[in-house]
């Protein structure tokens, strides 16, 4: 079991790890020693802060309708 780091909530941790697991399944190179399961490798990468979510900028939001 991978311990979730302080400063990241459960939802963000699980979403980020699942997105990274998909990248690893497509052939991306792991940034930590690889485990037997891709999901565990992805969780370790997130826990060690080897991968991080990119913050959304205000410009990326669509304009509100009038």
PDB file of N, CA and C in Angstrom:
ATOM      1  N   UNK A   1       0.847  -1.185   0.000  1.00  0.00           N
ATOM      2  CA  UNK A   1       0.000   0.000   0.000  1.00  0.00           C
ATOM      3  C   UNK A   1       0.887   1.240   0.000  1.00  0.00           C
ATOM      4  N   UNK A   2       0.547   2.189  -0.830  1.00  0.00           N
ATOM      5  CA  UNK A   2       1.323   3.412  -0.969  1.00  0.00           C
ATOM      6  C   UNK A   2       0.682   4.492  -0.101  1.00  0.00           C
ATOM      7  N   UNK A   3       1.495   5.160   0.712  1.00  0.00           N
ATOM      8  CA  UNK A   3       0.978   6.210   1.591  1.00  0.00           C
ATOM      9  C   UNK A   3       0.816   7.501   0.798  1.00  0.00           C
ATOM     10  N   UNK A   4      -0.359   8.073   0.918  1.00  0.00           N
ATOM     11  CA  UNK A   4      -0.664   9.341   0.252  1.00  0.00           C
ATOM     12  C   UNK A   4       0.099  10.459   0.941  1.00  0.00           C
ATOM     13  N   UNK A   5       0.795  11.319   0.187  1.00  0.00           N
ATOM     14  CA  UNK A   5       1.547  12.410   0.808  1.00  0.00           C
ATOM     15  C   UNK A   5       0.641  13.492   1.380  1.00  0.00           C
ATOM     16  N   UNK A   6       1.161  14.219   2.345  1.00  0.00           N
ATOM     17  CA  UNK A   6       0.422  15.354   2.900  1.00  0.00           C
ATOM     18  C   UNK A   6       0.282  16.424   1.824  1.00  0.00           C
ATOM     19  N   UNK A   7      -0.815  17.137   1.875  1.00  0.00           N
ATOM     20  CA  UNK A   7      -1.021  18.223   0.929  1.00  0.00           C
ATOM     21  C   UNK A   7      -1.744  17.821  -0.345  1.00  0.00           C
ATOM     22  N   UNK A   8      -2.116  16.561  -0.466  1.00  0.00           N
ATOM     23  CA  UNK A   8      -2.872  16.114  -1.629  1.00  0.00           C
ATOM     24  C   UNK A   8      -4.056  15.294  -1.116  1.00  0.00           C
ATOM     25  N   UNK A   9      -5.259  15.632  -1.561  1.00  0.00           N
ATOM     26  CA  UNK A   9      -6.424  14.917  -1.046  1.00  0.00           C
ATOM     27  C   UNK A   9      -6.592  13.574  -1.752  1.00  0.00           C
ATOM     28  N   UNK A  10      -7.459  12.741  -1.187  1.00  0.00           N
ATOM     29  CA  UNK A  10      -7.644  11.374  -1.710  1.00  0.00           C
ATOM     30  C   UNK A  10      -8.107  11.359  -3.150  1.00  0.00           C
ATOM     31  N   UNK A  11      -9.049  12.227  -3.466  1.00  0.00           N
ATOM     32  CA  UNK A  11      -9.587  12.257  -4.820  1.00  0.00           C
ATOM     33  C   UNK A  11      -8.507  12.637  -5.829  1.00  0.00           C
ATOM     34  N   UNK A  12      -7.779  13.699  -5.541  1.00  0.00           N
ATOM     35  CA  UNK A  12      -6.724  14.142  -6.448  1.00  0.00           C
ATOM     36  C   UNK A  12      -5.657  13.069  -6.618  1.00  0.00           C
ATOM     37  N   UNK A  13      -5.302  12.396  -5.511  1.00  0.00           N
ATOM     38  CA  UNK A  13      -4.300  11.330  -5.559  1.00  0.00           C
ATOM     39  C   UNK A  13      -4.764  10.189  -6.469  1.00  0.00           C
ATOM     40  N   UNK A  14      -6.009   9.764  -6.298  1.00  0.00           N
ATOM     41  CA  UNK A  14      -6.490   8.630  -7.085  1.00  0.00           C
ATOM     42  C   UNK A  14      -6.656   8.991  -8.559  1.00  0.00           C
ATOM     43  N   UNK A  15      -7.133  10.190  -8.843  1.00  0.00           N
ATOM     44  CA  UNK A  15      -7.300  10.603 -10.237  1.00  0.00           C
ATOM     45  C   UNK A  15      -5.948  10.748 -10.918  1.00  0.00           C
ATOM     46  N   UNK A  16      -5.016  11.381 -10.255  1.00  0.00           N
ATOM     47  CA  UNK A  16      -3.689  11.571 -10.836  1.00  0.00           C
ATOM     48  C   UNK A  16      -2.983  10.233 -11.050  1.00  0.00           C
ATOM     49  N   UNK A  17      -3.101   9.330 -10.084  1.00  0.00           N
ATOM     50  CA  UNK A  17      -2.482   8.006 -10.223  1.00  0.00           C
ATOM     51  C   UNK A  17      -3.121   7.220 -11.365  1.00  0.00           C
ATOM     52  N   UNK A  18      -4.428   7.329 -11.534  1.00  0.00           N
ATOM     53  CA  UNK A  18      -5.073   6.590 -12.624  1.00  0.00           C
ATOM     54  C   UNK A  18      -4.685   7.158 -13.993  1.00  0.00           C
ATOM     55  N   UNK A  19      -4.572   8.483 -14.073  1.00  0.00           N
ATOM     56  CA  UNK A  19      -4.112   9.081 -15.334  1.00  0.00           C
ATOM     57  C   UNK A  19      -2.688   8.659 -15.660  1.00  0.00           C
ATOM     58  N   UNK A  20      -1.839   8.621 -14.639  1.00  0.00           N
ATOM     59  CA  UNK A  20      -0.451   8.203 -14.852  1.00  0.00           C
ATOM     60  C   UNK A  20      -0.382   6.718 -15.215  1.00  0.00           C
ATOM     61  N   UNK A  21      -1.229   5.891 -14.600  1.00  0.00           N
ATOM     62  CA  UNK A  21      -1.252   4.463 -14.928  1.00  0.00           C
ATOM     63  C   UNK A  21      -1.620   4.267 -16.401  1.00  0.00           C
ATOM     64  N   UNK A  22      -2.547   5.063 -16.899  1.00  0.00           N
ATOM     65  CA  UNK A  22      -2.896   4.986 -18.323  1.00  0.00           C
ATOM     66  C   UNK A  22      -1.709   5.352 -19.194  1.00  0.00           C
ATOM     67  N   UNK A  23      -0.952   6.374 -18.796  1.00  0.00           N
ATOM     68  CA  UNK A  23       0.246   6.751 -19.550  1.00  0.00           C
ATOM     69  C   UNK A  23       1.268   5.619 -19.539  1.00  0.00           C
ATOM     70  N   UNK A  24       1.457   4.989 -18.387  1.00  0.00           N
ATOM     71  CA  UNK A  24       2.414   3.884 -18.290  1.00  0.00           C
ATOM     72  C   UNK A  24       1.973   2.705 -19.152  1.00  0.00           C
ATOM     73  N   UNK A  25       0.676   2.435 -19.198  1.00  0.00           N
ATOM     74  CA  UNK A  25       0.163   1.355 -20.044  1.00  0.00           C
ATOM     75  C   UNK A  25       0.403   1.628 -21.521  1.00  0.00           C
ATOM     76  N   UNK A  26       0.423   2.914 -21.896  1.00  0.00           N
ATOM     77  CA  UNK A  26       0.665   3.276 -23.300  1.00  0.00           C
ATOM     78  C   UNK A  26       2.135   3.284 -23.661  1.00  0.00           C
ATOM     79  N   UNK A  27       3.020   3.074 -22.660  1.00  0.00           N
ATOM     80  CA  UNK A  27       4.438   2.952 -22.974  1.00  0.00           C
ATOM     81  C   UNK A  27       5.349   4.029 -22.414  1.00  0.00           C
ATOM     82  N   UNK A  28       4.847   4.927 -21.585  1.00  0.00           N
ATOM     83  CA  UNK A  28       5.706   5.944 -20.977  1.00  0.00           C
ATOM     84  C   UNK A  28       6.711   5.275 -20.038  1.00  0.00           C
ATOM     85  N   UNK A  29       7.831   5.917 -19.873  1.00  0.00           N
ATOM     86  CA  UNK A  29       8.894   5.370 -19.030  1.00  0.00           C
ATOM     87  C   UNK A  29       8.607   5.713 -17.570  1.00  0.00           C
ATOM     88  N   UNK A  30       8.614   4.693 -16.682  1.00  0.00           N
ATOM     89  CA  UNK A  30       8.378   4.969 -15.259  1.00  0.00           C
ATOM     90  C   UNK A  30       9.510   5.789 -14.653  1.00  0.00           C
ATOM     91  N   UNK A  31       9.181   6.649 -13.701  1.00  0.00           N
ATOM     92  CA  UNK A  31      10.164   7.511 -13.051  1.00  0.00           C
ATOM     93  C   UNK A  31      10.615   6.967 -11.706  1.00  0.00           C
ATOM     94  N   UNK A  32      10.088   5.811 -11.319  1.00  0.00           N
ATOM     95  CA  UNK A  32      10.502   5.105 -10.101  1.00  0.00           C
ATOM     96  C   UNK A  32      10.737   3.657 -10.502  1.00  0.00           C
ATOM     97  N   UNK A  33      11.414   2.862  -9.645  1.00  0.00           N
ATOM     98  CA  UNK A  33      11.575   1.446  -9.982  1.00  0.00           C
ATOM     99  C   UNK A  33      10.211   0.782 -10.184  1.00  0.00           C
ATOM    100  N   UNK A  34      10.098   0.043 -11.277  1.00  0.00           N
ATOM    101  CA  UNK A  34       8.814  -0.516 -11.672  1.00  0.00           C
ATOM    102  C   UNK A  34       8.398  -1.669 -10.770  1.00  0.00           C
ATOM    103  N   UNK A  35       7.103  -1.709 -10.414  1.00  0.00           N
ATOM    104  CA  UNK A  35       6.511  -2.783  -9.617  1.00  0.00           C
ATOM    105  C   UNK A  35       5.857  -3.790 -10.555  1.00  0.00           C
ATOM    106  N   UNK A  36       5.277  -4.822  -9.980  1.00  0.00           N
ATOM    107  CA  UNK A  36       4.576  -5.820 -10.783  1.00  0.00           C
ATOM    108  C   UNK A  36       3.315  -5.240 -11.393  1.00  0.00           C
ATOM    109  N   UNK A  37       2.680  -4.314 -10.687  1.00  0.00           N
ATOM    110  CA  UNK A  37       1.433  -3.731 -11.177  1.00  0.00           C
ATOM    111  C   UNK A  37       1.649  -2.272 -11.563  1.00  0.00           C
ATOM    112  N   UNK A  38       1.072  -1.884 -12.672  1.00  0.00           N
ATOM    113  CA  UNK A  38       1.207  -0.525 -13.186  1.00  0.00           C
ATOM    114  C   UNK A  38       0.575   0.483 -12.227  1.00  0.00           C
ATOM    115  N   UNK A  39      -0.555   0.118 -11.620  1.00  0.00           N
ATOM    116  CA  UNK A  39      -1.247   1.039 -10.715  1.00  0.00           C
ATOM    117  C   UNK A  39      -0.379   1.386  -9.511  1.00  0.00           C
ATOM    118  N   UNK A  40       0.348   0.421  -8.985  1.00  0.00           N
ATOM    119  CA  UNK A  40       1.218   0.667  -7.827  1.00  0.00           C
ATOM    120  C   UNK A  40       2.389   1.555  -8.233  1.00  0.00           C
ATOM    121  N   UNK A  41       2.937   1.319  -9.407  1.00  0.00           N
ATOM    122  CA  UNK A  41       4.010   2.176  -9.906  1.00  0.00           C
ATOM    123  C   UNK A  41       3.526   3.616 -10.037  1.00  0.00           C
ATOM    124  N   UNK A  42       2.331   3.794 -10.572  1.00  0.00           N
ATOM    125  CA  UNK A  42       1.766   5.137 -10.733  1.00  0.00           C
ATOM    126  C   UNK A  42       1.541   5.791  -9.378  1.00  0.00           C
ATOM    127  N   UNK A  43       1.041   5.054  -8.404  1.00  0.00           N
ATOM    128  CA  UNK A  43       0.827   5.598  -7.063  1.00  0.00           C
ATOM    129  C   UNK A  43       2.152   6.011  -6.428  1.00  0.00           C
ATOM    130  N   UNK A  44       3.190   5.210  -6.614  1.00  0.00           N
ATOM    131  CA  UNK A  44       4.496   5.570  -6.057  1.00  0.00           C
ATOM    132  C   UNK A  44       5.043   6.832  -6.697  1.00  0.00           C
ATOM    133  N   UNK A  45       4.842   6.983  -7.980  1.00  0.00           N
ATOM    134  CA  UNK A  45       5.298   8.197  -8.665  1.00  0.00           C
ATOM    135  C   UNK A  45       4.588   9.429  -8.116  1.00  0.00           C
ATOM    136  N   UNK A  46       3.298   9.329  -7.898  1.00  0.00           N
ATOM    137  CA  UNK A  46       2.539  10.463  -7.357  1.00  0.00           C
ATOM    138  C   UNK A  46       2.963  10.725  -5.913  1.00  0.00           C
ATOM    139  N   UNK A  47       3.139   9.674  -5.116  1.00  0.00           N
ATOM    140  CA  UNK A  47       3.517   9.827  -3.716  1.00  0.00           C
ATOM    141  C   UNK A  47       4.899  10.466  -3.566  1.00  0.00           C
ATOM    142  N   UNK A  48       5.812  10.140  -4.466  1.00  0.00           N
ATOM    143  CA  UNK A  48       7.154  10.722  -4.426  1.00  0.00           C
ATOM    144  C   UNK A  48       7.232  12.038  -5.186  1.00  0.00           C
ATOM    145  N   UNK A  49       6.083  12.505  -5.656  1.00  0.00           N
ATOM    146  CA  UNK A  49       5.971  13.771  -6.394  1.00  0.00           C
ATOM    147  C   UNK A  49       6.851  13.809  -7.649  1.00  0.00           C
ATOM    148  N   UNK A  50       6.969  12.651  -8.300  1.00  0.00           N
ATOM    149  CA  UNK A  50       7.681  12.579  -9.577  1.00  0.00           C
ATOM    150  C   UNK A  50       6.774  13.047 -10.711  1.00  0.00           C
ATOM    151  N   UNK A  51       5.459  12.979 -10.491  1.00  0.00           N
ATOM    152  CA  UNK A  51       4.471  13.518 -11.435  1.00  0.00           C
ATOM    153  C   UNK A  51       3.512  14.381 -10.636  1.00  0.00           C
ATOM    154  N   UNK A  52       3.045  15.450 -11.259  1.00  0.00           N
ATOM    155  CA  UNK A  52       2.129  16.368 -10.591  1.00  0.00           C
ATOM    156  C   UNK A  52       1.079  16.839 -11.581  1.00  0.00           C
ATOM    157  N   UNK A  53      -0.065  17.225 -11.050  1.00  0.00           N
ATOM    158  CA  UNK A  53      -1.127  17.776 -11.892  1.00  0.00           C
ATOM    159  C   UNK A  53      -0.757  19.197 -12.286  1.00  0.00           C
ATOM    160  N   UNK A  54      -1.088  19.554 -13.503  1.00  0.00           N
ATOM    161  CA  UNK A  54      -0.853  20.919 -13.946  1.00  0.00           C
ATOM    162  C   UNK A  54      -2.045  21.763 -13.534  1.00  0.00           C
ATOM    163  N   UNK A  55      -1.819  22.915 -12.921  1.00  0.00           N
ATOM    164  CA  UNK A  55      -2.945  23.758 -12.526  1.00  0.00           C
ATOM    165  C   UNK A  55      -3.646  24.332 -13.761  1.00  0.00           C
ATOM    166  N   UNK A  56      -4.942  24.460 -13.641  1.00  0.00           N
ATOM    167  CA  UNK A  56      -5.704  25.058 -14.729  1.00  0.00           C
ATOM    168  C   UNK A  56      -5.562  26.564 -14.671  1.00  0.00           C
ATOM    169  N   UNK A  57      -5.315  27.172 -15.803  1.00  0.00           N
ATOM    170  CA  UNK A  57      -5.216  28.628 -15.840  1.00  0.00           C
ATOM    171  C   UNK A  57      -6.609  29.210 -16.055  1.00  0.00           C
ATOM    172  N   UNK A  58      -6.766  30.458 -15.706  1.00  0.00           N
ATOM    173  CA  UNK A  58      -8.050  31.134 -15.887  1.00  0.00           C
ATOM    174  C   UNK A  58      -8.409  31.260 -17.363  1.00  0.00           C
ATOM    175  N   UNK A  59      -7.395  31.340 -18.226  1.00  0.00           N
ATOM    176  CA  UNK A  59      -7.648  31.491 -19.658  1.00  0.00           C
ATOM    177  C   UNK A  59      -8.227  30.220 -20.248  1.00  0.00           C
ATOM    178  N   UNK A  60      -8.040  29.077 -19.600  1.00  0.00           N
ATOM    179  CA  UNK A  60      -8.525  27.810 -20.152  1.00  0.00           C
ATOM    180  C   UNK A  60     -10.029  27.647 -19.939  1.00  0.00           C
ATOM    181  N   UNK A  61     -10.637  28.454 -19.067  1.00  0.00           N
ATOM    182  CA  UNK A  61     -12.052  28.332 -18.801  1.00  0.00           C
ATOM    183  C   UNK A  61     -12.852  29.001 -19.925  1.00  0.00           C
ATOM    184  N   UNK A  62     -13.938  28.340 -20.370  1.00  0.00           N
ATOM    185  CA  UNK A  62     -14.748  28.955 -21.409  1.00  0.00           C
ATOM    186  C   UNK A  62     -15.511  30.147 -20.854  1.00  0.00           C
ATOM    187  N   UNK A  63     -15.826  31.124 -21.694  1.00  0.00           N
ATOM    188  CA  UNK A  63     -16.561  32.291 -21.205  1.00  0.00           C
ATOM    189  C   UNK A  63     -17.975  31.902 -20.784  1.00  0.00           C
ATOM    190  N   UNK A  64     -18.513  32.592 -19.811  1.00  0.00           N
ATOM    191  CA  UNK A  64     -19.868  32.341 -19.351  1.00  0.00           C
ATOM    192  C   UNK A  64     -20.859  32.915 -20.340  1.00  0.00           C
ATOM    193  N   UNK A  65     -21.983  32.210 -20.560  1.00  0.00           N
ATOM    194  CA  UNK A  65     -22.983  32.733 -21.502  1.00  0.00           C
ATOM    195  C   UNK A  65     -23.679  33.963 -20.906  1.00  0.00           C
ATOM    196  N   UNK A  66     -24.099  34.862 -21.774  1.00  0.00           N
ATOM    197  CA  UNK A  66     -24.787  36.086 -21.330  1.00  0.00           C
ATOM    198  C   UNK A  66     -26.210  35.811 -20.956  1.00  0.00           C
TER     199      UNK A  66
END
